Amino acid sequence: MRVKSAVHAGAVHLLGCGGTHQGDHIAHLAPMLLSVLSELAKRWK
């Protein structure tokens, strides 16, 4: 997964990723789960 652009505004973080292959379409799922779950865990404490 190649991050091509990023925007951060307060608590909102948006990454734009590039890819042209079949695996690129779903390559974001595992990293997204790890990053989202860790941030949610911080908020729920």
N, C-alpha and C. Protein backbone atom coordinates (compact mmCIF):
# COMPACT_ATOMS: atom_id res chain seq x y z
N MET A 1 0.85 -1.16 0.00
CA MET A 1 0.00 0.00 0.00
C MET A 1 0.89 1.23 0.00
N ARG A 2 0.70 2.10 -0.96
CA ARG A 2 1.50 3.33 -1.06
C ARG A 2 0.62 4.53 -0.73
N VAL A 3 0.99 5.24 0.31
CA VAL A 3 0.28 6.47 0.66
C VAL A 3 0.75 7.56 -0.29
N LYS A 4 -0.20 8.15 -1.02
CA LYS A 4 0.13 9.18 -2.00
C LYS A 4 -0.18 10.58 -1.47
N SER A 5 -1.11 10.67 -0.54
CA SER A 5 -1.45 11.98 0.04
C SER A 5 -2.01 11.76 1.43
N ALA A 6 -1.94 12.80 2.24
CA ALA A 6 -2.46 12.73 3.61
C ALA A 6 -2.96 14.10 4.04
N VAL A 7 -4.06 14.09 4.78
CA VAL A 7 -4.64 15.32 5.33
C VAL A 7 -4.97 15.05 6.79
N HIS A 8 -4.58 15.96 7.67
CA HIS A 8 -4.86 15.83 9.09
C HIS A 8 -5.50 17.13 9.56
N ALA A 9 -6.67 17.03 10.14
CA ALA A 9 -7.38 18.20 10.67
C ALA A 9 -8.00 17.81 12.00
N GLY A 10 -7.38 18.24 13.08
CA GLY A 10 -7.89 17.87 14.39
C GLY A 10 -7.81 16.37 14.60
N ALA A 11 -8.94 15.75 14.89
CA ALA A 11 -8.98 14.31 15.13
C ALA A 11 -9.27 13.52 13.85
N VAL A 12 -9.34 14.19 12.72
CA VAL A 12 -9.62 13.52 11.45
C VAL A 12 -8.32 13.33 10.68
N HIS A 13 -8.07 12.11 10.26
CA HIS A 13 -6.86 11.77 9.51
C HIS A 13 -7.28 11.00 8.26
N LEU A 14 -6.93 11.51 7.11
CA LEU A 14 -7.32 10.90 5.84
C LEU A 14 -6.08 10.60 5.02
N LEU A 15 -5.95 9.35 4.58
CA LEU A 15 -4.83 8.94 3.74
C LEU A 15 -5.35 8.53 2.38
N GLY A 16 -4.71 9.02 1.34
CA GLY A 16 -5.04 8.61 -0.02
C GLY A 16 -3.96 7.66 -0.51
N CYS A 17 -4.36 6.46 -0.89
CA CYS A 17 -3.40 5.43 -1.29
C CYS A 17 -3.59 5.07 -2.76
N GLY A 18 -2.49 4.70 -3.40
CA GLY A 18 -2.54 4.32 -4.80
C GLY A 18 -2.34 2.84 -4.99
N GLY A 19 -2.74 2.36 -6.13
CA GLY A 19 -2.55 0.96 -6.48
C GLY A 19 -3.35 0.62 -7.72
N THR A 20 -2.84 -0.30 -8.49
CA THR A 20 -3.53 -0.68 -9.71
C THR A 20 -3.76 -2.18 -9.83
N HIS A 21 -3.36 -2.94 -8.84
CA HIS A 21 -3.51 -4.39 -8.89
C HIS A 21 -4.67 -4.86 -8.04
N GLN A 22 -5.09 -6.08 -8.28
CA GLN A 22 -6.22 -6.65 -7.56
C GLN A 22 -6.03 -6.59 -6.05
N GLY A 23 -4.85 -6.95 -5.55
CA GLY A 23 -4.59 -6.93 -4.11
C GLY A 23 -4.61 -5.53 -3.52
N ASP A 24 -4.34 -4.52 -4.34
CA ASP A 24 -4.34 -3.14 -3.86
C ASP A 24 -5.72 -2.70 -3.39
N HIS A 25 -6.74 -3.31 -3.97
CA HIS A 25 -8.12 -2.92 -3.66
C HIS A 25 -8.46 -3.17 -2.19
N ILE A 26 -7.91 -4.23 -1.60
CA ILE A 26 -8.22 -4.57 -0.22
C ILE A 26 -7.03 -4.46 0.72
N ALA A 27 -5.90 -3.97 0.22
CA ALA A 27 -4.67 -3.92 1.02
C ALA A 27 -4.81 -3.02 2.24
N HIS A 28 -5.76 -2.12 2.25
CA HIS A 28 -5.91 -1.18 3.36
C HIS A 28 -6.63 -1.78 4.56
N LEU A 29 -7.30 -2.91 4.41
CA LEU A 29 -8.16 -3.42 5.49
C LEU A 29 -7.40 -3.76 6.77
N ALA A 30 -6.33 -4.55 6.70
CA ALA A 30 -5.61 -4.92 7.91
C ALA A 30 -4.98 -3.72 8.60
N PRO A 31 -4.24 -2.85 7.88
CA PRO A 31 -3.68 -1.68 8.57
C PRO A 31 -4.76 -0.75 9.12
N MET A 32 -5.89 -0.64 8.41
CA MET A 32 -6.97 0.23 8.87
C MET A 32 -7.53 -0.29 10.19
N LEU A 33 -7.73 -1.59 10.27
CA LEU A 33 -8.25 -2.16 11.51
C LEU A 33 -7.30 -1.91 12.67
N LEU A 34 -6.01 -2.06 12.45
CA LEU A 34 -5.04 -1.83 13.52
C LEU A 34 -5.03 -0.37 13.96
N SER A 35 -5.03 0.54 13.00
CA SER A 35 -4.97 1.96 13.36
C SER A 35 -6.28 2.45 13.96
N VAL A 36 -7.39 2.03 13.41
CA VAL A 36 -8.69 2.49 13.92
C VAL A 36 -8.95 1.92 15.30
N LEU A 37 -8.67 0.64 15.49
CA LEU A 37 -8.94 0.05 16.79
C LEU A 37 -8.07 0.65 17.89
N SER A 38 -6.82 0.96 17.59
CA SER A 38 -5.97 1.56 18.62
C SER A 38 -6.47 2.96 19.00
N GLU A 39 -6.91 3.72 18.02
CA GLU A 39 -7.45 5.06 18.31
C GLU A 39 -8.77 4.97 19.07
N LEU A 40 -9.63 4.03 18.71
CA LEU A 40 -10.88 3.86 19.43
C LEU A 40 -10.63 3.44 20.88
N ALA A 41 -9.67 2.57 21.08
CA ALA A 41 -9.35 2.12 22.44
C ALA A 41 -8.91 3.30 23.30
N LYS A 42 -8.14 4.22 22.75
CA LYS A 42 -7.72 5.41 23.50
C LYS A 42 -8.92 6.26 23.90
N ARG A 43 -9.88 6.42 22.98
CA ARG A 43 -11.05 7.24 23.27
C ARG A 43 -11.98 6.61 24.28
N TRP A 44 -12.06 5.28 24.28
CA TRP A 44 -12.99 4.57 25.17
C TRP A 44 -12.49 4.45 26.58
N LYS A 45 -11.23 4.78 26.84
CA LYS A 45 -10.70 4.67 28.20
C LYS A 45 -11.28 5.74 29.09
